[in-house]
Amino acid sequence: MTLKNTADRWGAVSQTLHWLILVMIAGLAIVGLTMTDMSNGPSKIKIYALHKSFGLTLLVLVTLRLAWRVYAGAPKPVAGTPHWQERIASLTHWALYALMFALPLSGWLFNSTAGYPLQYFGLFNLPKLAARNEELAQLSRNLHEYGFWLLLALVLAHAAAAFYHHLFQNDDTLTRMLPGRRRAAAAASSEPASLPPISPENPDAP
């Protein structure tokens, strides 16, 4: 497997960033949905701080992924895919990128305008994006919350489309984002072809 993307599959860097970002989104979603119900105390403060730090890490990873995609390109659409499906897939991808940027930034903006400190894993403080402002804090909080549900819906739709292509269309939409596909195909193609049986009428036939 190559590091860069090729015309027919995603490379190792894109695959790693894709699945790492997916795991982080899932973890942030689970924590985000449960931490608000925790009783006030040191544990809740610690969970909130970790949620913010991992959200900022997600922002960095998405930036790296987008930069790598610009540098390494993207595979061509799977052969036989209708144009309207290509268009929807492209719009979904860019909407996902937009939301993956918007959620960490809206959380950062809410944290700033609400007057809370923001530390990255306790290592250093991050600057405020804006001064304290109750109206802007409420707006950014709403954007963070509703943006999460929209991101969740798009992720589920994206996954459903990939499994539909894999199970019903029987194409490489899903497998080209998985490691090892090229090796398996190469191994299959390197196996010697079976020889036809020898005809009893012509035992010298190949």
N, C-alpha and C. Protein backbone atom coordinates (compact mmCIF):
# COMPACT_ATOMS: atom_id res chain seq x y z
N MET A 1 0.84 -1.20 0.00
CA MET A 1 0.00 0.00 0.00
C MET A 1 0.87 1.25 0.00
N THR A 2 0.55 2.19 -0.85
CA THR A 2 1.32 3.42 -0.92
C THR A 2 0.79 4.44 0.08
N LEU A 3 1.65 5.42 0.42
CA LEU A 3 1.22 6.48 1.33
C LEU A 3 0.23 7.41 0.65
N LYS A 4 0.51 7.75 -0.60
CA LYS A 4 -0.36 8.68 -1.32
C LYS A 4 -1.56 7.96 -1.92
N ASN A 5 -2.59 8.74 -2.22
CA ASN A 5 -3.76 8.18 -2.87
C ASN A 5 -3.44 7.89 -4.33
N THR A 6 -4.11 6.88 -4.86
CA THR A 6 -3.95 6.54 -6.27
C THR A 6 -5.29 6.76 -6.97
N ALA A 7 -5.32 6.44 -8.24
CA ALA A 7 -6.55 6.66 -9.01
C ALA A 7 -7.68 5.73 -8.58
N ASP A 8 -7.33 4.58 -7.96
CA ASP A 8 -8.39 3.62 -7.64
C ASP A 8 -8.55 3.32 -6.16
N ARG A 9 -7.72 3.93 -5.29
CA ARG A 9 -7.90 3.66 -3.86
C ARG A 9 -7.23 4.75 -3.03
N TRP A 10 -7.65 4.80 -1.76
CA TRP A 10 -7.05 5.73 -0.81
C TRP A 10 -5.77 5.14 -0.27
N GLY A 11 -4.77 6.00 -0.07
CA GLY A 11 -3.48 5.55 0.45
C GLY A 11 -3.49 5.39 1.96
N ALA A 12 -2.35 4.99 2.49
CA ALA A 12 -2.24 4.67 3.92
C ALA A 12 -2.49 5.89 4.80
N VAL A 13 -2.00 7.05 4.39
CA VAL A 13 -2.19 8.26 5.20
C VAL A 13 -3.66 8.63 5.28
N SER A 14 -4.35 8.63 4.15
CA SER A 14 -5.77 8.96 4.13
C SER A 14 -6.59 7.95 4.92
N GLN A 15 -6.25 6.68 4.80
CA GLN A 15 -6.98 5.65 5.54
C GLN A 15 -6.80 5.83 7.04
N THR A 16 -5.56 6.07 7.46
CA THR A 16 -5.28 6.25 8.89
C THR A 16 -6.04 7.45 9.46
N LEU A 17 -5.98 8.56 8.75
CA LEU A 17 -6.67 9.76 9.23
C LEU A 17 -8.19 9.56 9.22
N HIS A 18 -8.70 8.88 8.21
CA HIS A 18 -10.14 8.64 8.11
C HIS A 18 -10.66 7.88 9.32
N TRP A 19 -10.03 6.74 9.63
CA TRP A 19 -10.53 5.89 10.72
C TRP A 19 -10.22 6.49 12.08
N LEU A 20 -9.10 7.19 12.22
CA LEU A 20 -8.79 7.85 13.48
C LEU A 20 -9.80 8.95 13.77
N ILE A 21 -10.15 9.74 12.76
CA ILE A 21 -11.14 10.80 12.94
C ILE A 21 -12.50 10.21 13.27
N LEU A 22 -12.85 9.10 12.63
CA LEU A 22 -14.14 8.46 12.92
C LEU A 22 -14.20 8.00 14.37
N VAL A 23 -13.13 7.39 14.87
CA VAL A 23 -13.10 6.94 16.27
C VAL A 23 -13.20 8.13 17.21
N MET A 24 -12.51 9.22 16.88
CA MET A 24 -12.56 10.40 17.74
C MET A 24 -13.95 11.02 17.75
N ILE A 25 -14.61 11.08 16.61
CA ILE A 25 -15.97 11.63 16.56
C ILE A 25 -16.91 10.78 17.41
N ALA A 26 -16.78 9.46 17.30
CA ALA A 26 -17.63 8.57 18.09
C ALA A 26 -17.39 8.79 19.58
N GLY A 27 -16.12 8.87 19.98
CA GLY A 27 -15.80 9.09 21.39
C GLY A 27 -16.30 10.43 21.89
N LEU A 28 -16.10 11.48 21.10
CA LEU A 28 -16.56 12.82 21.49
C LEU A 28 -18.08 12.86 21.59
N ALA A 29 -18.76 12.14 20.69
CA ALA A 29 -20.22 12.12 20.72
C ALA A 29 -20.73 11.45 21.99
N ILE A 30 -20.14 10.30 22.32
CA ILE A 30 -20.59 9.57 23.52
C ILE A 30 -20.36 10.40 24.77
N VAL A 31 -19.16 10.98 24.88
CA VAL A 31 -18.84 11.79 26.06
C VAL A 31 -19.71 13.04 26.09
N GLY A 32 -19.88 13.69 24.94
CA GLY A 32 -20.66 14.91 24.89
C GLY A 32 -22.10 14.71 25.29
N LEU A 33 -22.66 13.54 24.95
CA LEU A 33 -24.06 13.27 25.27
C LEU A 33 -24.26 12.87 26.73
N THR A 34 -23.21 12.42 27.37
CA THR A 34 -23.35 11.94 28.75
C THR A 34 -22.81 12.92 29.80
N MET A 35 -21.87 13.77 29.44
CA MET A 35 -21.21 14.58 30.46
C MET A 35 -22.13 15.66 31.03
N THR A 36 -23.13 16.10 30.24
CA THR A 36 -24.02 17.14 30.75
C THR A 36 -24.90 16.64 31.89
N ASP A 37 -25.09 15.31 31.98
CA ASP A 37 -25.93 14.74 33.04
C ASP A 37 -25.13 14.39 34.30
N MET A 38 -23.82 14.61 34.26
CA MET A 38 -23.00 14.31 35.43
C MET A 38 -23.24 15.35 36.52
N SER A 39 -23.13 14.93 37.75
CA SER A 39 -23.26 15.87 38.86
C SER A 39 -22.03 16.77 38.91
N ASN A 40 -22.24 18.01 39.34
CA ASN A 40 -21.13 18.96 39.41
C ASN A 40 -20.05 18.49 40.37
N GLY A 41 -18.82 18.68 39.95
CA GLY A 41 -17.70 18.27 40.79
C GLY A 41 -16.43 18.17 39.98
N PRO A 42 -15.34 17.78 40.62
CA PRO A 42 -14.04 17.68 39.92
C PRO A 42 -14.07 16.73 38.73
N SER A 43 -14.82 15.63 38.85
CA SER A 43 -14.86 14.65 37.75
C SER A 43 -15.49 15.26 36.51
N LYS A 44 -16.57 16.02 36.70
CA LYS A 44 -17.24 16.64 35.57
C LYS A 44 -16.34 17.69 34.91
N ILE A 45 -15.64 18.46 35.72
CA ILE A 45 -14.72 19.46 35.18
C ILE A 45 -13.62 18.78 34.36
N LYS A 46 -13.11 17.67 34.87
CA LYS A 46 -12.05 16.95 34.16
C LYS A 46 -12.55 16.39 32.84
N ILE A 47 -13.78 15.83 32.83
CA ILE A 47 -14.34 15.27 31.60
C ILE A 47 -14.57 16.37 30.57
N TYR A 48 -15.08 17.52 31.03
CA TYR A 48 -15.28 18.64 30.11
C TYR A 48 -13.94 19.09 29.51
N ALA A 49 -12.91 19.15 30.33
CA ALA A 49 -11.59 19.58 29.86
C ALA A 49 -11.04 18.60 28.81
N LEU A 50 -11.24 17.31 29.06
CA LEU A 50 -10.78 16.31 28.09
C LEU A 50 -11.58 16.40 26.79
N HIS A 51 -12.87 16.63 26.92
CA HIS A 51 -13.72 16.77 25.73
C HIS A 51 -13.24 17.94 24.86
N LYS A 52 -12.90 19.03 25.50
CA LYS A 52 -12.41 20.20 24.76
C LYS A 52 -11.06 19.90 24.10
N SER A 53 -10.18 19.24 24.83
CA SER A 53 -8.85 18.95 24.29
C SER A 53 -8.92 17.99 23.11
N PHE A 54 -9.76 16.97 23.23
CA PHE A 54 -9.91 16.03 22.12
C PHE A 54 -10.61 16.70 20.94
N GLY A 55 -11.52 17.64 21.23
CA GLY A 55 -12.14 18.39 20.14
C GLY A 55 -11.13 19.22 19.37
N LEU A 56 -10.19 19.83 20.08
CA LEU A 56 -9.13 20.58 19.42
C LEU A 56 -8.21 19.65 18.63
N THR A 57 -7.97 18.46 19.16
CA THR A 57 -7.18 17.47 18.43
C THR A 57 -7.88 17.07 17.14
N LEU A 58 -9.20 16.92 17.21
CA LEU A 58 -9.97 16.62 16.00
C LEU A 58 -9.80 17.73 14.97
N LEU A 59 -9.80 18.97 15.42
CA LEU A 59 -9.62 20.10 14.51
C LEU A 59 -8.27 20.01 13.79
N VAL A 60 -7.23 19.63 14.52
CA VAL A 60 -5.90 19.48 13.92
C VAL A 60 -5.89 18.34 12.91
N LEU A 61 -6.50 17.21 13.27
CA LEU A 61 -6.50 16.05 12.38
C LEU A 61 -7.29 16.33 11.10
N VAL A 62 -8.42 17.01 11.23
CA VAL A 62 -9.21 17.34 10.04
C VAL A 62 -8.44 18.29 9.13
N THR A 63 -7.72 19.24 9.74
CA THR A 63 -6.89 20.14 8.95
C THR A 63 -5.82 19.37 8.19
N LEU A 64 -5.17 18.42 8.88
CA LEU A 64 -4.15 17.59 8.23
C LEU A 64 -4.76 16.76 7.11
N ARG A 65 -5.94 16.21 7.37
CA ARG A 65 -6.57 15.37 6.35
C ARG A 65 -6.92 16.17 5.11
N LEU A 66 -7.47 17.35 5.31
CA LEU A 66 -7.83 18.18 4.16
C LEU A 66 -6.58 18.61 3.39
N ALA A 67 -5.52 18.98 4.12
CA ALA A 67 -4.28 19.38 3.46
C ALA A 67 -3.68 18.21 2.68
N TRP A 68 -3.75 17.01 3.26
CA TRP A 68 -3.22 15.84 2.57
C TRP A 68 -4.05 15.52 1.33
N ARG A 69 -5.35 15.71 1.42
CA ARG A 69 -6.20 15.45 0.25
C ARG A 69 -5.88 16.41 -0.87
N VAL A 70 -5.64 17.67 -0.54
CA VAL A 70 -5.26 18.65 -1.56
C VAL A 70 -3.93 18.26 -2.19
N TYR A 71 -2.99 17.77 -1.36
CA TYR A 71 -1.67 17.40 -1.86
C TYR A 71 -1.70 16.09 -2.64
N ALA A 72 -2.36 15.08 -2.07
CA ALA A 72 -2.31 13.73 -2.65
C ALA A 72 -3.45 13.43 -3.61
N GLY A 73 -4.42 14.31 -3.70
CA GLY A 73 -5.55 14.06 -4.58
C GLY A 73 -6.52 13.05 -4.00
N ALA A 74 -7.47 12.64 -4.79
CA ALA A 74 -8.47 11.67 -4.36
C ALA A 74 -8.69 10.66 -5.48
N PRO A 75 -9.07 9.43 -5.14
CA PRO A 75 -9.34 8.43 -6.18
C PRO A 75 -10.48 8.87 -7.10
N LYS A 76 -10.47 8.36 -8.29
CA LYS A 76 -11.57 8.62 -9.22
C LYS A 76 -12.82 7.90 -8.73
N PRO A 77 -14.00 8.36 -9.12
CA PRO A 77 -15.22 7.63 -8.76
C PRO A 77 -15.17 6.19 -9.26
N VAL A 78 -15.79 5.30 -8.52
CA VAL A 78 -15.82 3.90 -8.93
C VAL A 78 -16.51 3.79 -10.28
N ALA A 79 -15.94 2.97 -11.15
CA ALA A 79 -16.49 2.82 -12.50
C ALA A 79 -17.94 2.38 -12.44
N GLY A 80 -18.76 3.00 -13.25
CA GLY A 80 -20.16 2.64 -13.32
C GLY A 80 -21.06 3.41 -12.37
N THR A 81 -20.47 4.27 -11.52
CA THR A 81 -21.28 5.05 -10.59
C THR A 81 -22.04 6.14 -11.35
N PRO A 82 -23.36 6.22 -11.18
CA PRO A 82 -24.13 7.27 -11.87
C PRO A 82 -23.64 8.66 -11.46
N HIS A 83 -23.80 9.61 -12.37
CA HIS A 83 -23.31 10.96 -12.12
C HIS A 83 -23.99 11.59 -10.90
N TRP A 84 -25.29 11.32 -10.72
CA TRP A 84 -26.00 11.93 -9.59
C TRP A 84 -25.48 11.40 -8.27
N GLN A 85 -25.05 10.12 -8.23
CA GLN A 85 -24.47 9.57 -7.01
C GLN A 85 -23.10 10.19 -6.74
N GLU A 86 -22.33 10.40 -7.80
CA GLU A 86 -21.03 11.07 -7.63
C GLU A 86 -21.23 12.46 -7.05
N ARG A 87 -22.24 13.17 -7.56
CA ARG A 87 -22.49 14.53 -7.10
C ARG A 87 -22.90 14.55 -5.63
N ILE A 88 -23.80 13.65 -5.25
CA ILE A 88 -24.25 13.59 -3.85
C ILE A 88 -23.08 13.21 -2.94
N ALA A 89 -22.27 12.26 -3.38
CA ALA A 89 -21.12 11.84 -2.57
C ALA A 89 -20.15 13.00 -2.37
N SER A 90 -19.90 13.76 -3.43
CA SER A 90 -18.99 14.90 -3.33
C SER A 90 -19.54 15.96 -2.37
N LEU A 91 -20.81 16.28 -2.50
CA LEU A 91 -21.43 17.27 -1.61
C LEU A 91 -21.41 16.80 -0.16
N THR A 92 -21.64 15.51 0.05
CA THR A 92 -21.63 14.95 1.41
C THR A 92 -20.23 15.05 2.00
N HIS A 93 -19.21 14.72 1.22
CA HIS A 93 -17.84 14.79 1.71
C HIS A 93 -17.48 16.21 2.16
N TRP A 94 -17.81 17.19 1.32
CA TRP A 94 -17.45 18.56 1.67
C TRP A 94 -18.30 19.09 2.82
N ALA A 95 -19.54 18.63 2.94
CA ALA A 95 -20.36 19.00 4.09
C ALA A 95 -19.78 18.41 5.38
N LEU A 96 -19.26 17.20 5.29
CA LEU A 96 -18.63 16.58 6.45
C LEU A 96 -17.38 17.36 6.87
N TYR A 97 -16.57 17.75 5.90
CA TYR A 97 -15.40 18.57 6.21
C TYR A 97 -15.82 19.87 6.90
N ALA A 98 -16.83 20.54 6.34
CA ALA A 98 -17.28 21.81 6.92
C ALA A 98 -17.74 21.64 8.36
N LEU A 99 -18.50 20.59 8.63
CA LEU A 99 -19.00 20.37 9.99
C LEU A 99 -17.88 19.95 10.94
N MET A 100 -16.92 19.18 10.43
CA MET A 100 -15.81 18.76 11.30
C MET A 100 -14.92 19.94 11.68
N PHE A 101 -14.94 20.98 10.86
CA PHE A 101 -14.28 22.23 11.25
C PHE A 101 -15.19 23.05 12.17
N ALA A 102 -16.47 23.10 11.84
CA ALA A 102 -17.40 23.98 12.55
C ALA A 102 -17.61 23.56 14.00
N LEU A 103 -17.66 22.27 14.27
CA LEU A 103 -17.96 21.84 15.64
C LEU A 103 -16.85 22.22 16.63
N PRO A 104 -15.58 21.89 16.35
CA PRO A 104 -14.54 22.32 17.30
C PRO A 104 -14.45 23.84 17.42
N LEU A 105 -14.61 24.55 16.30
CA LEU A 105 -14.51 26.00 16.34
C LEU A 105 -15.67 26.63 17.10
N SER A 106 -16.88 26.09 16.92
CA SER A 106 -18.02 26.62 17.67
C SER A 106 -17.89 26.32 19.16
N GLY A 107 -17.32 25.15 19.48
CA GLY A 107 -17.08 24.84 20.89
C GLY A 107 -16.03 25.77 21.49
N TRP A 108 -14.99 26.05 20.72
CA TRP A 108 -13.95 26.99 21.15
C TRP A 108 -14.55 28.39 21.34
N LEU A 109 -15.40 28.79 20.39
CA LEU A 109 -16.03 30.12 20.48
C LEU A 109 -16.96 30.19 21.70
N PHE A 110 -17.72 29.15 21.95
CA PHE A 110 -18.60 29.14 23.13
C PHE A 110 -17.77 29.23 24.40
N ASN A 111 -16.70 28.46 24.44
CA ASN A 111 -15.84 28.47 25.62
C ASN A 111 -15.28 29.87 25.88
N SER A 112 -14.91 30.58 24.79
CA SER A 112 -14.35 31.92 24.92
C SER A 112 -15.41 32.93 25.37
N THR A 113 -16.55 32.93 24.70
CA THR A 113 -17.58 33.94 24.99
C THR A 113 -18.30 33.66 26.30
N ALA A 114 -18.22 32.44 26.80
CA ALA A 114 -18.82 32.13 28.10
C ALA A 114 -17.86 32.44 29.25
N GLY A 115 -16.61 32.75 28.92
CA GLY A 115 -15.65 33.14 29.94
C GLY A 115 -14.92 31.99 30.60
N TYR A 116 -14.91 30.81 29.97
CA TYR A 116 -14.21 29.67 30.55
C TYR A 116 -12.77 29.61 30.04
N PRO A 117 -11.86 29.13 30.87
CA PRO A 117 -10.48 28.94 30.39
C PRO A 117 -10.40 27.73 29.48
N LEU A 118 -9.44 27.72 28.58
CA LEU A 118 -9.28 26.61 27.65
C LEU A 118 -7.83 26.18 27.64
N GLN A 119 -7.58 24.99 28.16
CA GLN A 119 -6.24 24.41 28.18
C GLN A 119 -6.21 23.16 27.32
N TYR A 120 -5.08 22.95 26.68
CA TYR A 120 -4.92 21.76 25.86
C TYR A 120 -4.21 20.68 26.67
N PHE A 121 -5.02 19.73 27.18
CA PHE A 121 -4.53 18.64 28.03
C PHE A 121 -3.68 19.16 29.19
N GLY A 122 -4.00 20.35 29.67
CA GLY A 122 -3.29 20.93 30.79
C GLY A 122 -1.88 21.39 30.49
N LEU A 123 -1.52 21.42 29.19
CA LEU A 123 -0.16 21.77 28.81
C LEU A 123 0.02 23.27 28.62
N PHE A 124 -0.95 23.91 27.99
CA PHE A 124 -0.87 25.35 27.75
C PHE A 124 -2.27 25.90 27.51
N ASN A 125 -2.40 27.21 27.68
CA ASN A 125 -3.68 27.87 27.47
C ASN A 125 -3.81 28.30 26.02
N LEU A 126 -5.01 28.22 25.50
CA LEU A 126 -5.29 28.70 24.16
C LEU A 126 -5.94 30.07 24.23
N PRO A 127 -5.70 30.92 23.23
CA PRO A 127 -6.28 32.26 23.26
C PRO A 127 -7.79 32.22 23.05
N LYS A 128 -8.45 33.26 23.51
CA LYS A 128 -9.89 33.37 23.30
C LYS A 128 -10.16 33.82 21.87
N LEU A 129 -11.23 33.29 21.29
CA LEU A 129 -11.62 33.70 19.95
C LEU A 129 -12.43 34.99 19.96
N ALA A 130 -13.03 35.31 21.10
CA ALA A 130 -13.84 36.53 21.22
C ALA A 130 -13.98 36.87 22.71
N ALA A 131 -14.37 38.12 22.96
CA ALA A 131 -14.58 38.54 24.34
C ALA A 131 -15.87 37.92 24.89
N ARG A 132 -16.02 38.00 26.18
CA ARG A 132 -17.20 37.42 26.82
C ARG A 132 -18.46 38.11 26.29
N ASN A 133 -19.44 37.30 25.88
CA ASN A 133 -20.66 37.82 25.29
C ASN A 133 -21.74 36.76 25.42
N GLU A 134 -22.78 37.05 26.19
CA GLU A 134 -23.81 36.05 26.47
C GLU A 134 -24.57 35.64 25.22
N GLU A 135 -24.91 36.61 24.37
CA GLU A 135 -25.66 36.28 23.16
C GLU A 135 -24.83 35.43 22.20
N LEU A 136 -23.58 35.80 22.03
CA LEU A 136 -22.71 35.03 21.15
C LEU A 136 -22.42 33.65 21.74
N ALA A 137 -22.35 33.57 23.05
CA ALA A 137 -22.14 32.28 23.71
C ALA A 137 -23.33 31.35 23.46
N GLN A 138 -24.54 31.89 23.55
CA GLN A 138 -25.73 31.07 23.30
C GLN A 138 -25.81 30.64 21.84
N LEU A 139 -25.46 31.56 20.94
CA LEU A 139 -25.47 31.23 19.52
C LEU A 139 -24.46 30.15 19.19
N SER A 140 -23.25 30.29 19.68
CA SER A 140 -22.21 29.29 19.40
C SER A 140 -22.54 27.95 20.05
N ARG A 141 -23.20 27.99 21.20
CA ARG A 141 -23.61 26.74 21.85
C ARG A 141 -24.65 26.02 21.01
N ASN A 142 -25.62 26.78 20.48
CA ASN A 142 -26.64 26.19 19.61
C ASN A 142 -26.02 25.62 18.34
N LEU A 143 -25.08 26.35 17.76
CA LEU A 143 -24.41 25.86 16.56
C LEU A 143 -23.66 24.56 16.86
N HIS A 144 -23.04 24.50 18.02
CA HIS A 144 -22.30 23.30 18.41
C HIS A 144 -23.24 22.11 18.59
N GLU A 145 -24.36 22.37 19.23
CA GLU A 145 -25.31 21.28 19.51
C GLU A 145 -26.01 20.80 18.25
N TYR A 146 -26.60 21.73 17.49
CA TYR A 146 -27.33 21.32 16.29
C TYR A 146 -26.38 20.85 15.19
N GLY A 147 -25.19 21.42 15.16
CA GLY A 147 -24.20 20.95 14.21
C GLY A 147 -23.80 19.52 14.46
N PHE A 148 -23.76 19.14 15.74
CA PHE A 148 -23.44 17.74 16.07
C PHE A 148 -24.47 16.79 15.50
N TRP A 149 -25.76 17.11 15.66
CA TRP A 149 -26.81 16.22 15.15
C TRP A 149 -26.77 16.14 13.63
N LEU A 150 -26.46 17.25 12.98
CA LEU A 150 -26.34 17.22 11.53
C LEU A 150 -25.14 16.39 11.10
N LEU A 151 -24.02 16.54 11.82
CA LEU A 151 -22.84 15.73 11.52
C LEU A 151 -23.14 14.25 11.72
N LEU A 152 -23.83 13.91 12.79
CA LEU A 152 -24.19 12.52 13.06
C LEU A 152 -25.04 11.96 11.92
N ALA A 153 -26.01 12.74 11.46
CA ALA A 153 -26.87 12.28 10.37
C ALA A 153 -26.07 12.04 9.10
N LEU A 154 -25.14 12.95 8.78
CA LEU A 154 -24.33 12.79 7.57
C LEU A 154 -23.37 11.61 7.68
N VAL A 155 -22.80 11.40 8.86
CA VAL A 155 -21.90 10.26 9.05
C VAL A 155 -22.66 8.95 8.85
N LEU A 156 -23.87 8.86 9.41
CA LEU A 156 -24.67 7.65 9.25
C LEU A 156 -25.08 7.45 7.80
N ALA A 157 -25.44 8.53 7.11
CA ALA A 157 -25.81 8.42 5.70
C ALA A 157 -24.60 8.01 4.86
N HIS A 158 -23.44 8.57 5.19
CA HIS A 158 -22.19 8.22 4.49
C HIS A 158 -21.86 6.74 4.68
N ALA A 159 -22.00 6.25 5.91
CA ALA A 159 -21.72 4.84 6.19
C ALA A 159 -22.74 3.94 5.50
N ALA A 160 -24.01 4.33 5.53
CA ALA A 160 -25.04 3.52 4.89
C ALA A 160 -24.80 3.42 3.39
N ALA A 161 -24.39 4.52 2.76
CA ALA A 161 -24.11 4.50 1.33
C ALA A 161 -22.94 3.58 1.02
N ALA A 162 -21.89 3.61 1.87
CA ALA A 162 -20.73 2.75 1.64
C ALA A 162 -21.11 1.28 1.75
N PHE A 163 -21.93 0.93 2.75
CA PHE A 163 -22.35 -0.47 2.90
C PHE A 163 -23.32 -0.88 1.79
N TYR A 164 -24.13 0.05 1.32
CA TYR A 164 -25.02 -0.26 0.20
C TYR A 164 -24.21 -0.62 -1.04
N HIS A 165 -23.18 0.18 -1.32
CA HIS A 165 -22.32 -0.11 -2.47
C HIS A 165 -21.60 -1.44 -2.30
N HIS A 166 -21.19 -1.73 -1.06
CA HIS A 166 -20.44 -2.97 -0.80
C HIS A 166 -21.34 -4.20 -0.89
N LEU A 167 -22.54 -4.12 -0.33
CA LEU A 167 -23.40 -5.30 -0.23
C LEU A 167 -24.28 -5.51 -1.46
N PHE A 168 -24.73 -4.42 -2.08
CA PHE A 168 -25.69 -4.54 -3.16
C PHE A 168 -25.11 -4.18 -4.53
N GLN A 169 -24.22 -3.22 -4.56
CA GLN A 169 -23.59 -2.86 -5.83
C GLN A 169 -22.34 -3.69 -6.09
N ASN A 170 -21.79 -4.27 -5.02
CA ASN A 170 -20.61 -5.13 -5.12
C ASN A 170 -19.44 -4.42 -5.80
N ASP A 171 -19.23 -3.14 -5.40
CA ASP A 171 -18.10 -2.41 -5.96
C ASP A 171 -17.09 -2.09 -4.85
N ASP A 172 -16.06 -1.29 -5.17
CA ASP A 172 -14.94 -1.05 -4.25
C ASP A 172 -15.07 0.25 -3.44
N THR A 173 -16.27 0.82 -3.36
CA THR A 173 -16.44 2.07 -2.63
C THR A 173 -15.95 1.95 -1.20
N LEU A 174 -16.28 0.87 -0.52
CA LEU A 174 -15.86 0.66 0.86
C LEU A 174 -14.47 0.08 0.95
N THR A 175 -14.18 -0.94 0.16
CA THR A 175 -12.92 -1.67 0.32
C THR A 175 -11.70 -0.83 -0.03
N ARG A 176 -11.85 0.18 -0.85
CA ARG A 176 -10.67 0.99 -1.17
C ARG A 176 -10.28 1.94 -0.04
N MET A 177 -11.10 1.99 1.02
CA MET A 177 -10.72 2.72 2.23
C MET A 177 -10.23 1.75 3.32
N LEU A 178 -10.10 0.46 2.96
CA LEU A 178 -9.63 -0.55 3.91
C LEU A 178 -8.24 -1.02 3.51
N PRO A 179 -7.39 -1.32 4.49
CA PRO A 179 -6.03 -1.80 4.16
C PRO A 179 -6.05 -3.23 3.65
N GLY A 180 -5.03 -3.56 2.85
CA GLY A 180 -4.83 -4.95 2.44
C GLY A 180 -5.53 -5.36 1.18
N ARG A 181 -6.40 -4.51 0.64
CA ARG A 181 -7.16 -4.90 -0.56
C ARG A 181 -6.24 -5.16 -1.75
N ARG A 182 -5.25 -4.29 -1.94
CA ARG A 182 -4.37 -4.44 -3.10
C ARG A 182 -3.54 -5.71 -2.98
N ARG A 183 -3.10 -6.03 -1.75
CA ARG A 183 -2.30 -7.24 -1.57
C ARG A 183 -3.12 -8.48 -1.88
N ALA A 184 -4.38 -8.47 -1.44
CA ALA A 184 -5.23 -9.64 -1.69
C ALA A 184 -5.48 -9.82 -3.18
N ALA A 185 -5.71 -8.69 -3.87
CA ALA A 185 -5.95 -8.78 -5.31
C ALA A 185 -4.69 -9.25 -6.03
N ALA A 186 -3.53 -8.75 -5.60
CA ALA A 186 -2.28 -9.14 -6.23
C ALA A 186 -2.00 -10.62 -6.01
N ALA A 187 -2.31 -11.11 -4.80
CA ALA A 187 -2.09 -12.52 -4.51
C ALA A 187 -2.97 -13.40 -5.37
N ALA A 188 -4.21 -12.96 -5.56
CA ALA A 188 -5.14 -13.75 -6.37
C ALA A 188 -4.69 -13.79 -7.83
N SER A 189 -4.18 -12.64 -8.32
CA SER A 189 -3.76 -12.59 -9.72
C SER A 189 -2.46 -13.34 -9.97
N SER A 190 -1.67 -13.56 -8.91
CA SER A 190 -0.39 -14.24 -9.08
C SER A 190 -0.52 -15.75 -9.04
N GLU A 191 -1.70 -16.28 -8.66
CA GLU A 191 -1.88 -17.72 -8.61
C GLU A 191 -1.87 -18.28 -10.03
N PRO A 192 -1.19 -19.41 -10.26
CA PRO A 192 -1.15 -19.97 -11.61
C PRO A 192 -2.53 -20.43 -12.05
N ALA A 193 -2.83 -20.20 -13.30
CA ALA A 193 -4.12 -20.63 -13.83
C ALA A 193 -4.15 -22.15 -13.91
N SER A 194 -5.29 -22.74 -13.61
CA SER A 194 -5.42 -24.19 -13.65
C SER A 194 -5.41 -24.65 -15.11
N LEU A 195 -4.73 -25.77 -15.37
CA LEU A 195 -4.64 -26.31 -16.72
C LEU A 195 -5.90 -27.10 -17.05
N PRO A 196 -6.34 -27.06 -18.27
CA PRO A 196 -7.52 -27.85 -18.64
C PRO A 196 -7.21 -29.34 -18.58
N PRO A 197 -8.20 -30.15 -18.33
CA PRO A 197 -7.95 -31.60 -18.26
C PRO A 197 -7.49 -32.14 -19.60
N ILE A 198 -6.66 -33.18 -19.54
CA ILE A 198 -6.14 -33.80 -20.76
C ILE A 198 -7.25 -34.64 -21.40
N SER A 199 -7.43 -34.42 -22.66
CA SER A 199 -8.46 -35.16 -23.38
C SER A 199 -8.00 -36.58 -23.64
N PRO A 200 -8.82 -37.57 -23.37
CA PRO A 200 -8.39 -38.95 -23.64
C PRO A 200 -8.16 -39.20 -25.12
N GLU A 201 -8.86 -38.44 -25.98
CA GLU A 201 -8.64 -38.63 -27.41
C GLU A 201 -7.31 -38.04 -27.86
N ASN A 202 -6.80 -37.05 -27.11
CA ASN A 202 -5.57 -36.38 -27.50
C ASN A 202 -4.71 -36.18 -26.25
N PRO A 203 -4.02 -37.24 -25.78
CA PRO A 203 -3.27 -37.15 -24.53
C PRO A 203 -2.12 -36.16 -24.60
N ASP A 204 -1.69 -35.77 -25.82
CA ASP A 204 -0.59 -34.82 -25.92
C ASP A 204 -1.08 -33.37 -25.87
N ALA A 205 -2.40 -33.18 -25.77
CA ALA A 205 -2.92 -31.81 -25.74
C ALA A 205 -2.49 -31.14 -24.44
N PRO A 206 -2.21 -29.84 -24.48
CA PRO A 206 -1.75 -29.12 -23.27
C PRO A 206 -2.88 -29.01 -22.26
